[in-house]
């Protein structure tokens, strides 16, 4: 089962849950509201020479542009 990120439409809480792929809504863990929705999350890849952001080209000192450390 994948981990999906959700957001509550009532209180704004963001949370992650391990659920089956077809799950679009879960009760909010903070306020209990059923007005939650699944967010589109970016896929993180650490296969690019250890780049921690997944969007930049690694350099020996640090990423250029986003300045994330390696």
PDB file of N, CA and C in Angstrom:
ATOM      1  N   UNK A   1       0.840  -1.183   0.000  1.00  0.00           N
ATOM      2  CA  UNK A   1       0.000   0.000   0.000  1.00  0.00           C
ATOM      3  C   UNK A   1       0.883   1.244   0.000  1.00  0.00           C
ATOM      4  N   UNK A   2       0.513   2.244  -0.795  1.00  0.00           N
ATOM      5  CA  UNK A   2       1.303   3.484  -0.841  1.00  0.00           C
ATOM      6  C   UNK A   2       0.926   4.452   0.276  1.00  0.00           C
ATOM      7  N   UNK A   3       1.824   5.389   0.539  1.00  0.00           N
ATOM      8  CA  UNK A   3       1.558   6.469   1.483  1.00  0.00           C
ATOM      9  C   UNK A   3       1.068   7.655   0.675  1.00  0.00           C
ATOM     10  N   UNK A   4      -0.094   8.182   1.055  1.00  0.00           N
ATOM     11  CA  UNK A   4      -0.658   9.346   0.380  1.00  0.00           C
ATOM     12  C   UNK A   4      -0.738  10.514   1.346  1.00  0.00           C
ATOM     13  N   UNK A   5      -0.674  11.725   0.786  1.00  0.00           N
ATOM     14  CA  UNK A   5      -0.788  12.941   1.571  1.00  0.00           C
ATOM     15  C   UNK A   5      -2.192  13.501   1.391  1.00  0.00           C
ATOM     16  N   UNK A   6      -2.795  13.917   2.497  1.00  0.00           N
ATOM     17  CA  UNK A   6      -4.150  14.454   2.495  1.00  0.00           C
ATOM     18  C   UNK A   6      -4.147  15.840   3.131  1.00  0.00           C
ATOM     19  N   UNK A   7      -5.200  16.612   2.842  1.00  0.00           N
ATOM     20  CA  UNK A   7      -5.379  17.921   3.476  1.00  0.00           C
ATOM     21  C   UNK A   7      -6.834  18.069   3.880  1.00  0.00           C
ATOM     22  N   UNK A   8      -7.054  18.636   5.054  1.00  0.00           N
ATOM     23  CA  UNK A   8      -8.398  18.877   5.558  1.00  0.00           C
ATOM     24  C   UNK A   8      -8.907  20.209   5.016  1.00  0.00           C
ATOM     25  N   UNK A   9     -10.079  20.191   4.407  1.00  0.00           N
ATOM     26  CA  UNK A   9     -10.681  21.412   3.884  1.00  0.00           C
ATOM     27  C   UNK A   9     -11.232  22.321   4.972  1.00  0.00           C
ATOM     28  N   UNK A  10     -11.453  21.782   6.171  1.00  0.00           N
ATOM     29  CA  UNK A  10     -11.988  22.590   7.265  1.00  0.00           C
ATOM     30  C   UNK A  10     -10.895  23.275   8.085  1.00  0.00           C
ATOM     31  N   UNK A  11      -9.918  22.508   8.577  1.00  0.00           N
ATOM     32  CA  UNK A  11      -8.897  23.112   9.463  1.00  0.00           C
ATOM     33  C   UNK A  11      -7.537  23.297   8.785  1.00  0.00           C
ATOM     34  N   UNK A  12      -7.348  22.739   7.581  1.00  0.00           N
ATOM     35  CA  UNK A  12      -6.095  22.935   6.849  1.00  0.00           C
ATOM     36  C   UNK A  12      -4.976  21.980   7.218  1.00  0.00           C
ATOM     37  N   UNK A  13      -5.237  21.036   8.129  1.00  0.00           N
ATOM     38  CA  UNK A  13      -4.211  20.081   8.543  1.00  0.00           C
ATOM     39  C   UNK A  13      -3.795  19.203   7.365  1.00  0.00           C
ATOM     40  N   UNK A  14      -2.487  19.026   7.195  1.00  0.00           N
ATOM     41  CA  UNK A  14      -1.954  18.092   6.205  1.00  0.00           C
ATOM     42  C   UNK A  14      -1.463  16.864   6.941  1.00  0.00           C
ATOM     43  N   UNK A  15      -1.770  15.682   6.384  1.00  0.00           N
ATOM     44  CA  UNK A  15      -1.352  14.442   7.033  1.00  0.00           C
ATOM     45  C   UNK A  15      -1.107  13.370   5.990  1.00  0.00           C
ATOM     46  N   UNK A  16      -0.318  12.376   6.358  1.00  0.00           N
ATOM     47  CA  UNK A  16      -0.002  11.253   5.484  1.00  0.00           C
ATOM     48  C   UNK A  16      -0.574   9.984   6.082  1.00  0.00           C
ATOM     49  N   UNK A  17      -1.028   9.085   5.206  1.00  0.00           N
ATOM     50  CA  UNK A  17      -1.566   7.804   5.658  1.00  0.00           C
ATOM     51  C   UNK A  17      -1.174   6.711   4.669  1.00  0.00           C
ATOM     52  N   UNK A  18      -0.974   5.538   5.181  1.00  0.00           N
ATOM     53  CA  UNK A  18      -0.712   4.353   4.376  1.00  0.00           C
ATOM     54  C   UNK A  18      -2.079   3.736   4.065  1.00  0.00           C
ATOM     55  N   UNK A  19      -2.544   3.900   2.813  1.00  0.00           N
ATOM     56  CA  UNK A  19      -3.886   3.454   2.424  1.00  0.00           C
ATOM     57  C   UNK A  19      -3.859   2.795   1.050  1.00  0.00           C
ATOM     58  N   UNK A  20      -4.942   2.110   0.697  1.00  0.00           N
ATOM     59  CA  UNK A  20      -5.010   1.519  -0.636  1.00  0.00           C
ATOM     60  C   UNK A  20      -5.146   2.614  -1.691  1.00  0.00           C
ATOM     61  N   UNK A  21      -4.736   2.296  -2.908  1.00  0.00           N
ATOM     62  CA  UNK A  21      -4.624   3.267  -3.991  1.00  0.00           C
ATOM     63  C   UNK A  21      -5.930   3.993  -4.304  1.00  0.00           C
ATOM     64  N   UNK A  22      -7.081   3.398  -4.083  1.00  0.00           N
ATOM     65  CA  UNK A  22      -8.349   4.031  -4.420  1.00  0.00           C
ATOM     66  C   UNK A  22      -8.904   4.970  -3.368  1.00  0.00           C
ATOM     67  N   UNK A  23      -8.208   5.149  -2.254  1.00  0.00           N
ATOM     68  CA  UNK A  23      -8.715   5.987  -1.162  1.00  0.00           C
ATOM     69  C   UNK A  23      -8.524   7.459  -1.475  1.00  0.00           C
ATOM     70  N   UNK A  24      -9.635   8.222  -1.522  1.00  0.00           N
ATOM     71  CA  UNK A  24      -9.563   9.647  -1.814  1.00  0.00           C
ATOM     72  C   UNK A  24      -9.811  10.527  -0.596  1.00  0.00           C
ATOM     73  N   UNK A  25     -10.481   9.983   0.417  1.00  0.00           N
ATOM     74  CA  UNK A  25     -10.816  10.768   1.623  1.00  0.00           C
ATOM     75  C   UNK A  25     -10.623   9.934   2.875  1.00  0.00           C
ATOM     76  N   UNK A  26     -10.164  10.596   3.926  1.00  0.00           N
ATOM     77  CA  UNK A  26     -10.047  10.005   5.259  1.00  0.00           C
ATOM     78  C   UNK A  26     -10.487  11.059   6.260  1.00  0.00           C
ATOM     79  N   UNK A  27     -10.962  10.673   7.419  1.00  0.00           N
ATOM     80  CA  UNK A  27     -11.277  11.673   8.446  1.00  0.00           C
ATOM     81  C   UNK A  27     -10.003  12.397   8.895  1.00  0.00           C
ATOM     82  N   UNK A  28     -10.117  13.677   9.139  1.00  0.00           N
ATOM     83  CA  UNK A  28      -8.980  14.467   9.603  1.00  0.00           C
ATOM     84  C   UNK A  28      -8.588  14.013  11.005  1.00  0.00           C
ATOM     85  N   UNK A  29      -7.295  13.739  11.240  1.00  0.00           N
ATOM     86  CA  UNK A  29      -6.866  13.297  12.571  1.00  0.00           C
ATOM     87  C   UNK A  29      -6.928  14.406  13.624  1.00  0.00           C
ATOM     88  N   UNK A  30      -6.981  15.672  13.185  1.00  0.00           N
ATOM     89  CA  UNK A  30      -7.003  16.785  14.139  1.00  0.00           C
ATOM     90  C   UNK A  30      -8.427  17.181  14.533  1.00  0.00           C
ATOM     91  N   UNK A  31      -9.298  17.404  13.524  1.00  0.00           N
ATOM     92  CA  UNK A  31     -10.643  17.905  13.829  1.00  0.00           C
ATOM     93  C   UNK A  31     -11.750  16.884  13.568  1.00  0.00           C
ATOM     94  N   UNK A  32     -11.411  15.750  12.907  1.00  0.00           N
ATOM     95  CA  UNK A  32     -12.396  14.710  12.636  1.00  0.00           C
ATOM     96  C   UNK A  32     -13.270  14.958  11.429  1.00  0.00           C
ATOM     97  N   UNK A  33     -13.052  16.052  10.722  1.00  0.00           N
ATOM     98  CA  UNK A  33     -13.870  16.388   9.561  1.00  0.00           C
ATOM     99  C   UNK A  33     -13.720  15.349   8.448  1.00  0.00           C
ATOM    100  N   UNK A  34     -14.787  15.141   7.708  1.00  0.00           N
ATOM    101  CA  UNK A  34     -14.754  14.252   6.542  1.00  0.00           C
ATOM    102  C   UNK A  34     -14.418  15.041   5.282  1.00  0.00           C
ATOM    103  N   UNK A  35     -14.223  16.346   5.409  1.00  0.00           N
ATOM    104  CA  UNK A  35     -13.932  17.214   4.268  1.00  0.00           C
ATOM    105  C   UNK A  35     -12.434  17.245   3.967  1.00  0.00           C
ATOM    106  N   UNK A  36     -11.874  16.073   3.703  1.00  0.00           N
ATOM    107  CA  UNK A  36     -10.455  15.974   3.360  1.00  0.00           C
ATOM    108  C   UNK A  36     -10.325  15.559   1.907  1.00  0.00           C
ATOM    109  N   UNK A  37      -9.158  15.799   1.348  1.00  0.00           N
ATOM    110  CA  UNK A  37      -8.896  15.381  -0.024  1.00  0.00           C
ATOM    111  C   UNK A  37      -7.438  14.997  -0.167  1.00  0.00           C
ATOM    112  N   UNK A  38      -7.198  14.099  -1.112  1.00  0.00           N
ATOM    113  CA  UNK A  38      -5.842  13.614  -1.357  1.00  0.00           C
ATOM    114  C   UNK A  38      -5.098  14.628  -2.204  1.00  0.00           C
ATOM    115  N   UNK A  39      -3.858  14.912  -1.821  1.00  0.00           N
ATOM    116  CA  UNK A  39      -3.010  15.851  -2.545  1.00  0.00           C
ATOM    117  C   UNK A  39      -2.165  15.116  -3.580  1.00  0.00           C
ATOM    118  N   UNK A  40      -1.774  15.816  -4.597  1.00  0.00           N
ATOM    119  CA  UNK A  40      -0.835  15.287  -5.577  1.00  0.00           C
ATOM    120  C   UNK A  40       0.557  15.555  -5.024  1.00  0.00           C
ATOM    121  N   UNK A  41       1.282  14.510  -4.713  1.00  0.00           N
ATOM    122  CA  UNK A  41       2.615  14.649  -4.126  1.00  0.00           C
ATOM    123  C   UNK A  41       3.684  14.424  -5.174  1.00  0.00           C
ATOM    124  N   UNK A  42       4.796  15.117  -5.028  1.00  0.00           N
ATOM    125  CA  UNK A  42       5.935  14.918  -5.910  1.00  0.00           C
ATOM    126  C   UNK A  42       6.670  13.650  -5.499  1.00  0.00           C
ATOM    127  N   UNK A  43       7.196  12.962  -6.482  1.00  0.00           N
ATOM    128  CA  UNK A  43       7.962  11.752  -6.209  1.00  0.00           C
ATOM    129  C   UNK A  43       9.389  12.147  -5.886  1.00  0.00           C
ATOM    130  N   UNK A  44       9.914  11.614  -4.825  1.00  0.00           N
ATOM    131  CA  UNK A  44      11.287  11.898  -4.428  1.00  0.00           C
ATOM    132  C   UNK A  44      12.190  10.782  -4.923  1.00  0.00           C
ATOM    133  N   UNK A  45      13.310  11.150  -5.525  1.00  0.00           N
ATOM    134  CA  UNK A  45      14.245  10.158  -6.025  1.00  0.00           C
ATOM    135  C   UNK A  45      15.630  10.449  -5.484  1.00  0.00           C
ATOM    136  N   UNK A  46      16.229   9.474  -4.825  1.00  0.00           N
ATOM    137  CA  UNK A  46      17.589   9.649  -4.321  1.00  0.00           C
ATOM    138  C   UNK A  46      18.591   8.952  -5.233  1.00  0.00           C
ATOM    139  N   UNK A  47      18.155   8.530  -6.413  1.00  0.00           N
ATOM    140  CA  UNK A  47      19.030   7.810  -7.334  1.00  0.00           C
ATOM    141  C   UNK A  47      19.933   8.699  -8.165  1.00  0.00           C
ATOM    142  N   UNK A  48      19.789  10.013  -8.075  1.00  0.00           N
ATOM    143  CA  UNK A  48      20.588  10.949  -8.854  1.00  0.00           C
ATOM    144  C   UNK A  48      21.847  11.357  -8.110  1.00  0.00           C
ATOM    145  N   UNK A  49      22.680  10.413  -7.772  1.00  0.00           N
ATOM    146  CA  UNK A  49      23.928  10.756  -7.093  1.00  0.00           C
ATOM    147  C   UNK A  49      23.712  11.334  -5.710  1.00  0.00           C
ATOM    148  N   UNK A  50      22.570  11.047  -5.095  1.00  0.00           N
ATOM    149  CA  UNK A  50      22.330  11.516  -3.746  1.00  0.00           C
ATOM    150  C   UNK A  50      21.688  12.879  -3.665  1.00  0.00           C
ATOM    151  N   UNK A  51      21.163  13.397  -4.760  1.00  0.00           N
ATOM    152  CA  UNK A  51      20.499  14.686  -4.715  1.00  0.00           C
ATOM    153  C   UNK A  51      19.316  14.622  -3.768  1.00  0.00           C
ATOM    154  N   UNK A  52      19.240  15.539  -2.822  1.00  0.00           N
ATOM    155  CA  UNK A  52      18.168  15.462  -1.847  1.00  0.00           C
ATOM    156  C   UNK A  52      16.889  16.139  -2.308  1.00  0.00           C
ATOM    157  N   UNK A  53      16.941  16.991  -3.343  1.00  0.00           N
ATOM    158  CA  UNK A  53      15.712  17.642  -3.776  1.00  0.00           C
ATOM    159  C   UNK A  53      15.106  16.962  -4.996  1.00  0.00           C
ATOM    160  N   UNK A  54      15.877  16.216  -5.776  1.00  0.00           N
ATOM    161  CA  UNK A  54      15.360  15.498  -6.927  1.00  0.00           C
ATOM    162  C   UNK A  54      15.118  16.351  -8.153  1.00  0.00           C
ATOM    163  N   UNK A  55      15.360  17.666  -8.079  1.00  0.00           N
ATOM    164  CA  UNK A  55      15.096  18.527  -9.224  1.00  0.00           C
ATOM    165  C   UNK A  55      16.339  19.218  -9.775  1.00  0.00           C
ATOM    166  N   UNK A  56      17.455  19.126  -9.081  1.00  0.00           N
ATOM    167  CA  UNK A  56      18.648  19.839  -9.517  1.00  0.00           C
ATOM    168  C   UNK A  56      19.756  18.864  -9.904  1.00  0.00           C
ATOM    169  N   UNK A  57      20.781  19.405 -10.514  1.00  0.00           N
ATOM    170  CA  UNK A  57      21.926  18.607 -10.928  1.00  0.00           C
ATOM    171  C   UNK A  57      22.977  18.669  -9.830  1.00  0.00           C
ATOM    172  N   UNK A  58      23.371  17.520  -9.266  1.00  0.00           N
ATOM    173  CA  UNK A  58      24.355  17.536  -8.180  1.00  0.00           C
ATOM    174  C   UNK A  58      25.717  18.066  -8.626  1.00  0.00           C
ATOM    175  N   UNK A  59      26.350  18.813  -7.747  1.00  0.00           N
ATOM    176  CA  UNK A  59      27.715  19.281  -7.951  1.00  0.00           C
ATOM    177  C   UNK A  59      28.493  18.894  -6.703  1.00  0.00           C
ATOM    178  N   UNK A  60      29.816  18.909  -6.757  1.00  0.00           N
ATOM    179  CA  UNK A  60      30.587  18.526  -5.570  1.00  0.00           C
ATOM    180  C   UNK A  60      30.284  19.374  -4.340  1.00  0.00           C
ATOM    181  N   UNK A  61      30.031  20.668  -4.515  1.00  0.00           N
ATOM    182  CA  UNK A  61      29.821  21.529  -3.349  1.00  0.00           C
ATOM    183  C   UNK A  61      28.374  21.556  -2.879  1.00  0.00           C
ATOM    184  N   UNK A  62      27.435  21.742  -3.762  1.00  0.00           N
ATOM    185  CA  UNK A  62      26.002  21.731  -3.455  1.00  0.00           C
ATOM    186  C   UNK A  62      25.224  21.896  -4.752  1.00  0.00           C
ATOM    187  N   UNK A  63      23.933  21.733  -4.668  1.00  0.00           N
ATOM    188  CA  UNK A  63      23.102  21.893  -5.859  1.00  0.00           C
ATOM    189  C   UNK A  63      23.097  23.350  -6.290  1.00  0.00           C
ATOM    190  N   UNK A  64      23.028  23.564  -7.566  1.00  0.00           N
ATOM    191  CA  UNK A  64      22.917  24.937  -8.070  1.00  0.00           C
ATOM    192  C   UNK A  64      21.445  25.277  -8.220  1.00  0.00           C
ATOM    193  N   UNK A  65      21.047  26.436  -7.816  1.00  0.00           N
ATOM    194  CA  UNK A  65      19.668  26.864  -7.929  1.00  0.00           C
ATOM    195  C   UNK A  65      18.908  26.723  -6.627  1.00  0.00           C
ATOM    196  N   UNK A  66      18.798  25.512  -6.116  1.00  0.00           N
ATOM    197  CA  UNK A  66      18.015  25.323  -4.892  1.00  0.00           C
ATOM    198  C   UNK A  66      18.899  25.279  -3.651  1.00  0.00           C
ATOM    199  N   UNK A  67      20.178  25.038  -3.803  1.00  0.00           N
ATOM    200  CA  UNK A  67      21.165  25.025  -2.716  1.00  0.00           C
ATOM    201  C   UNK A  67      20.925  23.945  -1.664  1.00  0.00           C
ATOM    202  N   UNK A  68      20.308  22.822  -2.082  1.00  0.00           N
ATOM    203  CA  UNK A  68      20.130  21.744  -1.106  1.00  0.00           C
ATOM    204  C   UNK A  68      21.466  21.034  -0.890  1.00  0.00           C
ATOM    205  N   UNK A  69      21.739  20.578   0.326  1.00  0.00           N
ATOM    206  CA  UNK A  69      23.004  19.905   0.602  1.00  0.00           C
ATOM    207  C   UNK A  69      22.987  18.455   0.094  1.00  0.00           C
ATOM    208  N   UNK A  70      24.148  17.904  -0.134  1.00  0.00           N
ATOM    209  CA  UNK A  70      24.264  16.494  -0.536  1.00  0.00           C
ATOM    210  C   UNK A  70      24.883  15.718   0.583  1.00  0.00           C
TER     211      UNK A  70
END
